[in-house]
Amino acid sequence: MSPVDGILAIQEVSDATDGRSRGIKHGHDLLDRLDELRHDMLTGMFHHDRLIALRHEIKEQRVTVEDPRLMAILDDIDLRASVELAKLGIT
């Protein structure tokens, strides 16, 4: 293995780790948004703008998601958000 091959291998591992780190950060951000929505609903201070923002974020996430289980979770969240918005007459 030449030194250049070693550097390229390290960069590939770094890229994979960076992608995983970004995915974890996006997951935490999504969980934070869901927690905010839960809090809003429990306190009666519900804002439909948060649901719209959540749906937008999920649509952006779908582009990068490869895991079918994670895609199913995003689909479930998006469906629930769509139902709640439909109840409010917002599409």
PDB file of N, CA and C in Angstrom:
ATOM      1  N   MET A   1       0.851  -1.169   0.000  1.00  0.00           N
ATOM      2  CA  MET A   1       0.000   0.000   0.000  1.00  0.00           C
ATOM      3  C   MET A   1       0.899   1.235   0.000  1.00  0.00           C
ATOM      4  N   SER A   2       0.669   2.123  -0.945  1.00  0.00           N
ATOM      5  CA  SER A   2       1.483   3.338  -1.020  1.00  0.00           C
ATOM      6  C   SER A   2       0.945   4.377  -0.039  1.00  0.00           C
ATOM      7  N   PRO A   3       1.744   5.388   0.283  1.00  0.00           N
ATOM      8  CA  PRO A   3       1.286   6.447   1.186  1.00  0.00           C
ATOM      9  C   PRO A   3       0.024   7.149   0.665  1.00  0.00           C
ATOM     10  N   VAL A   4      -0.068   7.289  -0.659  1.00  0.00           N
ATOM     11  CA  VAL A   4      -1.241   7.947  -1.236  1.00  0.00           C
ATOM     12  C   VAL A   4      -2.488   7.095  -0.991  1.00  0.00           C
ATOM     13  N   ASP A   5      -2.367   5.784  -1.130  1.00  0.00           N
ATOM     14  CA  ASP A   5      -3.494   4.892  -0.866  1.00  0.00           C
ATOM     15  C   ASP A   5      -3.953   5.005   0.587  1.00  0.00           C
ATOM     16  N   GLY A   6      -3.000   5.115   1.487  1.00  0.00           N
ATOM     17  CA  GLY A   6      -3.328   5.252   2.906  1.00  0.00           C
ATOM     18  C   GLY A   6      -4.082   6.540   3.182  1.00  0.00           C
ATOM     19  N   ILE A   7      -3.647   7.631   2.554  1.00  0.00           N
ATOM     20  CA  ILE A   7      -4.319   8.922   2.731  1.00  0.00           C
ATOM     21  C   ILE A   7      -5.733   8.857   2.168  1.00  0.00           C
ATOM     22  N   LEU A   8      -5.883   8.248   1.003  1.00  0.00           N
ATOM     23  CA  LEU A   8      -7.209   8.127   0.408  1.00  0.00           C
ATOM     24  C   LEU A   8      -8.123   7.272   1.282  1.00  0.00           C
ATOM     25  N   ALA A   9      -7.593   6.208   1.854  1.00  0.00           N
ATOM     26  CA  ALA A   9      -8.390   5.342   2.731  1.00  0.00           C
ATOM     27  C   ALA A   9      -8.849   6.107   3.969  1.00  0.00           C
ATOM     28  N   ILE A  10      -7.963   6.905   4.542  1.00  0.00           N
ATOM     29  CA  ILE A  10      -8.324   7.711   5.714  1.00  0.00           C
ATOM     30  C   ILE A  10      -9.402   8.722   5.358  1.00  0.00           C
ATOM     31  N   GLN A  11      -9.302   9.343   4.198  1.00  0.00           N
ATOM     32  CA  GLN A  11     -10.314  10.313   3.776  1.00  0.00           C
ATOM     33  C   GLN A  11     -11.674   9.647   3.600  1.00  0.00           C
ATOM     34  N   GLU A  12     -11.684   8.428   3.062  1.00  0.00           N
ATOM     35  CA  GLU A  12     -12.949   7.707   2.888  1.00  0.00           C
ATOM     36  C   GLU A  12     -13.586   7.408   4.235  1.00  0.00           C
ATOM     37  N   VAL A  13     -12.802   6.982   5.205  1.00  0.00           N
ATOM     38  CA  VAL A  13     -13.322   6.710   6.541  1.00  0.00           C
ATOM     39  C   VAL A  13     -13.833   8.004   7.161  1.00  0.00           C
ATOM     40  N   SER A  14     -13.092   9.083   6.981  1.00  0.00           N
ATOM     41  CA  SER A  14     -13.497  10.380   7.515  1.00  0.00           C
ATOM     42  C   SER A  14     -14.825  10.827   6.904  1.00  0.00           C
ATOM     43  N   ASP A  15     -14.978  10.656   5.584  1.00  0.00           N
ATOM     44  CA  ASP A  15     -16.217  11.030   4.914  1.00  0.00           C
ATOM     45  C   ASP A  15     -17.389  10.218   5.447  1.00  0.00           C
ATOM     46  N   ALA A  16     -17.191   8.932   5.650  1.00  0.00           N
ATOM     47  CA  ALA A  16     -18.257   8.081   6.163  1.00  0.00           C
ATOM     48  C   ALA A  16     -18.630   8.491   7.584  1.00  0.00           C
ATOM     49  N   THR A  17     -17.629   8.809   8.390  1.00  0.00           N
ATOM     50  CA  THR A  17     -17.876   9.244   9.760  1.00  0.00           C
ATOM     51  C   THR A  17     -18.593  10.582   9.774  1.00  0.00           C
ATOM     52  N   ASP A  18     -18.182  11.502   8.897  1.00  0.00           N
ATOM     53  CA  ASP A  18     -18.844  12.804   8.813  1.00  0.00           C
ATOM     54  C   ASP A  18     -20.303  12.638   8.416  1.00  0.00           C
ATOM     55  N   GLY A  19     -20.574  11.766   7.466  1.00  0.00           N
ATOM     56  CA  GLY A  19     -21.954  11.515   7.047  1.00  0.00           C
ATOM     57  C   GLY A  19     -22.784  10.950   8.184  1.00  0.00           C
ATOM     58  N   ARG A  20     -22.204  10.043   8.938  1.00  0.00           N
ATOM     59  CA  ARG A  20     -22.905   9.465  10.093  1.00  0.00           C
ATOM     60  C   ARG A  20     -23.143  10.535  11.147  1.00  0.00           C
ATOM     61  N   SER A  21     -22.157  11.377  11.386  1.00  0.00           N
ATOM     62  CA  SER A  21     -22.306  12.455  12.365  1.00  0.00           C
ATOM     63  C   SER A  21     -23.409  13.419  11.947  1.00  0.00           C
ATOM     64  N   ARG A  22     -23.449  13.743  10.666  1.00  0.00           N
ATOM     65  CA  ARG A  22     -24.512  14.626  10.169  1.00  0.00           C
ATOM     66  C   ARG A  22     -25.870  13.957  10.343  1.00  0.00           C
ATOM     67  N   GLY A  23     -25.942  12.663  10.060  1.00  0.00           N
ATOM     68  CA  GLY A  23     -27.191  11.935  10.227  1.00  0.00           C
ATOM     69  C   GLY A  23     -27.653  11.919  11.672  1.00  0.00           C
ATOM     70  N   ILE A  24     -26.717  11.736  12.577  1.00  0.00           N
ATOM     71  CA  ILE A  24     -27.051  11.745  14.004  1.00  0.00           C
ATOM     72  C   ILE A  24     -27.537  13.126  14.418  1.00  0.00           C
ATOM     73  N   LYS A  25     -26.869  14.170  13.941  1.00  0.00           N
ATOM     74  CA  LYS A  25     -27.287  15.533  14.267  1.00  0.00           C
ATOM     75  C   LYS A  25     -28.686  15.811  13.736  1.00  0.00           C
ATOM     76  N   HIS A  26     -28.964  15.397  12.487  1.00  0.00           N
ATOM     77  CA  HIS A  26     -30.297  15.583  11.915  1.00  0.00           C
ATOM     78  C   HIS A  26     -31.341  14.823  12.738  1.00  0.00           C
ATOM     79  N   GLY A  27     -30.990  13.630  13.192  1.00  0.00           N
ATOM     80  CA  GLY A  27     -31.907  12.848  14.020  1.00  0.00           C
ATOM     81  C   GLY A  27     -32.221  13.549  15.328  1.00  0.00           C
ATOM     82  N   HIS A  28     -31.187  14.096  15.951  1.00  0.00           N
ATOM     83  CA  HIS A  28     -31.409  14.832  17.201  1.00  0.00           C
ATOM     84  C   HIS A  28     -32.249  16.084  16.963  1.00  0.00           C
ATOM     85  N   ASP A  29     -31.987  16.777  15.868  1.00  0.00           N
ATOM     86  CA  ASP A  29     -32.784  17.964  15.533  1.00  0.00           C
ATOM     87  C   ASP A  29     -34.251  17.596  15.330  1.00  0.00           C
ATOM     88  N   LEU A  30     -34.488  16.498  14.642  1.00  0.00           N
ATOM     89  CA  LEU A  30     -35.855  16.046  14.398  1.00  0.00           C
ATOM     90  C   LEU A  30     -36.541  15.670  15.717  1.00  0.00           C
ATOM     91  N   LEU A  31     -35.830  14.990  16.602  1.00  0.00           N
ATOM     92  CA  LEU A  31     -36.393  14.642  17.900  1.00  0.00           C
ATOM     93  C   LEU A  31     -36.696  15.894  18.723  1.00  0.00           C
ATOM     94  N   ASP A  32     -35.839  16.905  18.623  1.00  0.00           N
ATOM     95  CA  ASP A  32     -36.097  18.168  19.315  1.00  0.00           C
ATOM     96  C   ASP A  32     -37.373  18.817  18.801  1.00  0.00           C
ATOM     97  N   ARG A  33     -37.568  18.806  17.486  1.00  0.00           N
ATOM     98  CA  ARG A  33     -38.796  19.379  16.897  1.00  0.00           C
ATOM     99  C   ARG A  33     -40.029  18.620  17.373  1.00  0.00           C
ATOM    100  N   LEU A  34     -39.938  17.302  17.419  1.00  0.00           N
ATOM    101  CA  LEU A  34     -41.063  16.504  17.894  1.00  0.00           C
ATOM    102  C   LEU A  34     -41.357  16.796  19.360  1.00  0.00           C
ATOM    103  N   ASP A  35     -40.317  16.976  20.150  1.00  0.00           N
ATOM    104  CA  ASP A  35     -40.500  17.304  21.563  1.00  0.00           C
ATOM    105  C   ASP A  35     -41.166  18.673  21.721  1.00  0.00           C
ATOM    106  N   GLU A  36     -40.772  19.641  20.893  1.00  0.00           N
ATOM    107  CA  GLU A  36     -41.403  20.961  20.924  1.00  0.00           C
ATOM    108  C   GLU A  36     -42.887  20.858  20.582  1.00  0.00           C
ATOM    109  N   LEU A  37     -43.209  20.052  19.573  1.00  0.00           N
ATOM    110  CA  LEU A  37     -44.611  19.854  19.196  1.00  0.00           C
ATOM    111  C   LEU A  37     -45.408  19.209  20.330  1.00  0.00           C
ATOM    112  N   ARG A  38     -44.813  18.221  20.952  1.00  0.00           N
ATOM    113  CA  ARG A  38     -45.477  17.552  22.076  1.00  0.00           C
ATOM    114  C   ARG A  38     -45.750  18.555  23.190  1.00  0.00           C
ATOM    115  N   HIS A  39     -44.772  19.359  23.497  1.00  0.00           N
ATOM    116  CA  HIS A  39     -44.928  20.373  24.539  1.00  0.00           C
ATOM    117  C   HIS A  39     -46.032  21.363  24.161  1.00  0.00           C
ATOM    118  N   ASP A  40     -46.030  21.811  22.912  1.00  0.00           N
ATOM    119  CA  ASP A  40     -47.071  22.736  22.448  1.00  0.00           C
ATOM    120  C   ASP A  40     -48.464  22.134  22.606  1.00  0.00           C
ATOM    121  N   MET A  41     -48.601  20.872  22.227  1.00  0.00           N
ATOM    122  CA  MET A  41     -49.912  20.230  22.302  1.00  0.00           C
ATOM    123  C   MET A  41     -50.359  20.058  23.751  1.00  0.00           C
ATOM    124  N   LEU A  42     -49.424  19.708  24.629  1.00  0.00           N
ATOM    125  CA  LEU A  42     -49.777  19.508  26.037  1.00  0.00           C
ATOM    126  C   LEU A  42     -50.146  20.817  26.732  1.00  0.00           C
ATOM    127  N   THR A  43     -49.542  21.908  26.298  1.00  0.00           N
ATOM    128  CA  THR A  43     -49.821  23.201  26.934  1.00  0.00           C
ATOM    129  C   THR A  43     -50.916  23.978  26.220  1.00  0.00           C
ATOM    130  N   GLY A  44     -51.414  23.439  25.116  1.00  0.00           N
ATOM    131  CA  GLY A  44     -52.466  24.126  24.376  1.00  0.00           C
ATOM    132  C   GLY A  44     -51.971  25.287  23.547  1.00  0.00           C
ATOM    133  N   MET A  45     -50.685  25.369  23.341  1.00  0.00           N
ATOM    134  CA  MET A  45     -50.076  26.460  22.572  1.00  0.00           C
ATOM    135  C   MET A  45     -49.583  25.947  21.221  1.00  0.00           C
ATOM    136  N   PHE A  46     -50.435  25.204  20.551  1.00  0.00           N
ATOM    137  CA  PHE A  46     -50.070  24.559  19.304  1.00  0.00           C
ATOM    138  C   PHE A  46     -49.892  25.576  18.176  1.00  0.00           C
ATOM    139  N   HIS A  47     -48.795  25.445  17.430  1.00  0.00           N
ATOM    140  CA  HIS A  47     -48.507  26.312  16.288  1.00  0.00           C
ATOM    141  C   HIS A  47     -48.369  25.441  15.040  1.00  0.00           C
ATOM    142  N   HIS A  48     -49.255  25.640  14.080  1.00  0.00           N
ATOM    143  CA  HIS A  48     -49.202  24.818  12.871  1.00  0.00           C
ATOM    144  C   HIS A  48     -47.930  25.068  12.067  1.00  0.00           C
ATOM    145  N   ASP A  49     -47.291  26.215  12.274  1.00  0.00           N
ATOM    146  CA  ASP A  49     -46.031  26.502  11.571  1.00  0.00           C
ATOM    147  C   ASP A  49     -44.959  25.463  11.901  1.00  0.00           C
ATOM    148  N   ARG A  50     -44.987  24.975  13.126  1.00  0.00           N
ATOM    149  CA  ARG A  50     -43.994  23.954  13.507  1.00  0.00           C
ATOM    150  C   ARG A  50     -44.221  22.657  12.735  1.00  0.00           C
ATOM    151  N   LEU A  51     -45.483  22.295  12.524  1.00  0.00           N
ATOM    152  CA  LEU A  51     -45.776  21.084  11.744  1.00  0.00           C
ATOM    153  C   LEU A  51     -45.329  21.245  10.300  1.00  0.00           C
ATOM    154  N   ILE A  52     -45.569  22.415   9.747  1.00  0.00           N
ATOM    155  CA  ILE A  52     -45.153  22.678   8.369  1.00  0.00           C
ATOM    156  C   ILE A  52     -43.633  22.593   8.256  1.00  0.00           C
ATOM    157  N   ALA A  53     -42.935  23.190   9.223  1.00  0.00           N
ATOM    158  CA  ALA A  53     -41.464  23.139   9.222  1.00  0.00           C
ATOM    159  C   ALA A  53     -40.967  21.704   9.381  1.00  0.00           C
ATOM    160  N   LEU A  54     -41.645  20.937  10.209  1.00  0.00           N
ATOM    161  CA  LEU A  54     -41.273  19.535  10.415  1.00  0.00           C
ATOM    162  C   LEU A  54     -41.426  18.744   9.120  1.00  0.00           C
ATOM    163  N   ARG A  55     -42.544  18.926   8.432  1.00  0.00           N
ATOM    164  CA  ARG A  55     -42.752  18.219   7.161  1.00  0.00           C
ATOM    165  C   ARG A  55     -41.681  18.611   6.143  1.00  0.00           C
ATOM    166  N   HIS A  56     -41.330  19.897   6.115  1.00  0.00           N
ATOM    167  CA  HIS A  56     -40.291  20.363   5.185  1.00  0.00           C
ATOM    168  C   HIS A  56     -38.955  19.693   5.508  1.00  0.00           C
ATOM    169  N   GLU A  57     -38.618  19.626   6.780  1.00  0.00           N
ATOM    170  CA  GLU A  57     -37.356  18.999   7.180  1.00  0.00           C
ATOM    171  C   GLU A  57     -37.338  17.518   6.828  1.00  0.00           C
ATOM    172  N   ILE A  58     -38.460  16.845   7.003  1.00  0.00           N
ATOM    173  CA  ILE A  58     -38.539  15.422   6.667  1.00  0.00           C
ATOM    174  C   ILE A  58     -38.331  15.219   5.171  1.00  0.00           C
ATOM    175  N   LYS A  59     -38.933  16.076   4.359  1.00  0.00           N
ATOM    176  CA  LYS A  59     -38.746  15.956   2.908  1.00  0.00           C
ATOM    177  C   LYS A  59     -37.281  16.113   2.527  1.00  0.00           C
ATOM    178  N   GLU A  60     -36.589  17.031   3.188  1.00  0.00           N
ATOM    179  CA  GLU A  60     -35.159  17.206   2.920  1.00  0.00           C
ATOM    180  C   GLU A  60     -34.364  15.980   3.359  1.00  0.00           C
ATOM    181  N   GLN A  61     -34.738  15.381   4.486  1.00  0.00           N
ATOM    182  CA  GLN A  61     -34.032  14.217   5.022  1.00  0.00           C
ATOM    183  C   GLN A  61     -34.163  13.002   4.111  1.00  0.00           C
ATOM    184  N   ARG A  62     -35.323  12.849   3.478  1.00  0.00           N
ATOM    185  CA  ARG A  62     -35.561  11.674   2.651  1.00  0.00           C
ATOM    186  C   ARG A  62     -34.544  11.515   1.535  1.00  0.00           C
ATOM    187  N   VAL A  63     -34.001  12.614   1.071  1.00  0.00           N
ATOM    188  CA  VAL A  63     -33.032  12.567  -0.026  1.00  0.00           C
ATOM    189  C   VAL A  63     -31.786  11.802   0.388  1.00  0.00           C
ATOM    190  N   THR A  64     -31.397  11.917   1.655  1.00  0.00           N
ATOM    191  CA  THR A  64     -30.145  11.318   2.106  1.00  0.00           C
ATOM    192  C   THR A  64     -30.314  10.005   2.857  1.00  0.00           C
ATOM    193  N   VAL A  65     -31.551   9.600   3.139  1.00  0.00           N
ATOM    194  CA  VAL A  65     -31.793   8.401   3.943  1.00  0.00           C
ATOM    195  C   VAL A  65     -31.749   7.158   3.063  1.00  0.00           C
ATOM    196  N   GLU A  66     -30.965   6.180   3.502  1.00  0.00           N
ATOM    197  CA  GLU A  66     -30.862   4.914   2.790  1.00  0.00           C
ATOM    198  C   GLU A  66     -31.443   3.752   3.593  1.00  0.00           C
ATOM    199  N   ASP A  67     -31.559   3.926   4.892  1.00  0.00           N
ATOM    200  CA  ASP A  67     -32.056   2.869   5.774  1.00  0.00           C
ATOM    201  C   ASP A  67     -33.573   2.771   5.657  1.00  0.00           C
ATOM    202  N   PRO A  68     -34.104   1.610   5.238  1.00  0.00           N
ATOM    203  CA  PRO A  68     -35.554   1.468   5.071  1.00  0.00           C
ATOM    204  C   PRO A  68     -36.334   1.642   6.381  1.00  0.00           C
ATOM    205  N   ARG A  69     -35.725   1.274   7.501  1.00  0.00           N
ATOM    206  CA  ARG A  69     -36.415   1.444   8.793  1.00  0.00           C
ATOM    207  C   ARG A  69     -36.544   2.927   9.135  1.00  0.00           C
ATOM    208  N   LEU A  70     -35.489   3.680   8.891  1.00  0.00           N
ATOM    209  CA  LEU A  70     -35.538   5.114   9.147  1.00  0.00           C
ATOM    210  C   LEU A  70     -36.515   5.792   8.190  1.00  0.00           C
ATOM    211  N   MET A  71     -36.540   5.347   6.944  1.00  0.00           N
ATOM    212  CA  MET A  71     -37.486   5.898   5.974  1.00  0.00           C
ATOM    213  C   MET A  71     -38.927   5.646   6.435  1.00  0.00           C
ATOM    214  N   ALA A  72     -39.188   4.467   6.979  1.00  0.00           N
ATOM    215  CA  ALA A  72     -40.535   4.149   7.472  1.00  0.00           C
ATOM    216  C   ALA A  72     -40.919   5.063   8.637  1.00  0.00           C
ATOM    217  N   ILE A  73     -39.970   5.356   9.504  1.00  0.00           N
ATOM    218  CA  ILE A  73     -40.237   6.266  10.626  1.00  0.00           C
ATOM    219  C   ILE A  73     -40.537   7.666  10.109  1.00  0.00           C
ATOM    220  N   LEU A  74     -39.745   8.133   9.163  1.00  0.00           N
ATOM    221  CA  LEU A  74     -39.994   9.454   8.577  1.00  0.00           C
ATOM    222  C   LEU A  74     -41.357   9.495   7.890  1.00  0.00           C
ATOM    223  N   ASP A  75     -41.723   8.415   7.214  1.00  0.00           N
ATOM    224  CA  ASP A  75     -43.039   8.334   6.572  1.00  0.00           C
ATOM    225  C   ASP A  75     -44.158   8.433   7.602  1.00  0.00           C
ATOM    226  N   ASP A  76     -44.000   7.741   8.726  1.00  0.00           N
ATOM    227  CA  ASP A  76     -45.016   7.783   9.786  1.00  0.00           C
ATOM    228  C   ASP A  76     -45.168   9.186  10.368  1.00  0.00           C
ATOM    229  N   ILE A  77     -44.047   9.837  10.615  1.00  0.00           N
ATOM    230  CA  ILE A  77     -44.085  11.201  11.163  1.00  0.00           C
ATOM    231  C   ILE A  77     -44.732  12.145  10.159  1.00  0.00           C
ATOM    232  N   ASP A  78     -44.357  12.018   8.901  1.00  0.00           N
ATOM    233  CA  ASP A  78     -44.916  12.882   7.864  1.00  0.00           C
ATOM    234  C   ASP A  78     -46.428  12.659   7.725  1.00  0.00           C
ATOM    235  N   LEU A  79     -46.851  11.412   7.779  1.00  0.00           N
ATOM    236  CA  LEU A  79     -48.279  11.108   7.685  1.00  0.00           C
ATOM    237  C   LEU A  79     -49.039  11.739   8.846  1.00  0.00           C
ATOM    238  N   ARG A  80     -48.522  11.581  10.046  1.00  0.00           N
ATOM    239  CA  ARG A  80     -49.185  12.146  11.222  1.00  0.00           C
ATOM    240  C   ARG A  80     -49.256  13.670  11.122  1.00  0.00           C
ATOM    241  N   ALA A  81     -48.170  14.292  10.692  1.00  0.00           N
ATOM    242  CA  ALA A  81     -48.162  15.753  10.524  1.00  0.00           C
ATOM    243  C   ALA A  81     -49.182  16.168   9.467  1.00  0.00           C
ATOM    244  N   SER A  82     -49.278  15.415   8.389  1.00  0.00           N
ATOM    245  CA  SER A  82     -50.249  15.710   7.325  1.00  0.00           C
ATOM    246  C   SER A  82     -51.679  15.617   7.844  1.00  0.00           C
ATOM    247  N   VAL A  83     -51.952  14.596   8.653  1.00  0.00           N
ATOM    248  CA  VAL A  83     -53.290  14.418   9.226  1.00  0.00           C
ATOM    249  C   VAL A  83     -53.637  15.595  10.133  1.00  0.00           C
ATOM    250  N   GLU A  84     -52.693  15.990  10.986  1.00  0.00           N
ATOM    251  CA  GLU A  84     -52.952  17.104  11.897  1.00  0.00           C
ATOM    252  C   GLU A  84     -53.175  18.404  11.124  1.00  0.00           C
ATOM    253  N   LEU A  85     -52.408  18.619  10.074  1.00  0.00           N
ATOM    254  CA  LEU A  85     -52.598  19.825   9.260  1.00  0.00           C
ATOM    255  C   LEU A  85     -53.942  19.771   8.532  1.00  0.00           C
ATOM    256  N   ALA A  86     -54.333  18.584   8.063  1.00  0.00           N
ATOM    257  CA  ALA A  86     -55.626  18.441   7.389  1.00  0.00           C
ATOM    258  C   ALA A  86     -56.774  18.751   8.349  1.00  0.00           C
ATOM    259  N   LYS A  87     -56.632  18.347   9.616  1.00  0.00           N
ATOM    260  CA  LYS A  87     -57.654  18.656  10.618  1.00  0.00           C
ATOM    261  C   LYS A  87     -57.835  20.163  10.767  1.00  0.00           C
ATOM    262  N   LEU A  88     -56.744  20.901  10.553  1.00  0.00           N
ATOM    263  CA  LEU A  88     -56.782  22.357  10.664  1.00  0.00           C
ATOM    264  C   LEU A  88     -57.177  23.027   9.342  1.00  0.00           C
ATOM    265  N   GLY A  89     -57.359  22.205   8.302  1.00  0.00           N
ATOM    266  CA  GLY A  89     -57.711  22.738   6.996  1.00  0.00           C
ATOM    267  C   GLY A  89     -56.526  23.287   6.231  1.00  0.00           C
ATOM    268  N   ILE A  90     -55.338  22.843   6.608  1.00  0.00           N
ATOM    269  CA  ILE A  90     -54.104  23.294   5.956  1.00  0.00           C
ATOM    270  C   ILE A  90     -53.518  22.125   5.184  1.00  0.00           C
ATOM    271  N   THR A  91     -53.184  22.361   3.907  1.00  0.00           N
ATOM    272  CA  THR A  91     -52.594  21.274   3.118  1.00  0.00           C
ATOM    273  C   THR A  91     -51.169  21.576   2.747  1.00  0.00           C
TER     274      THR A  91
END
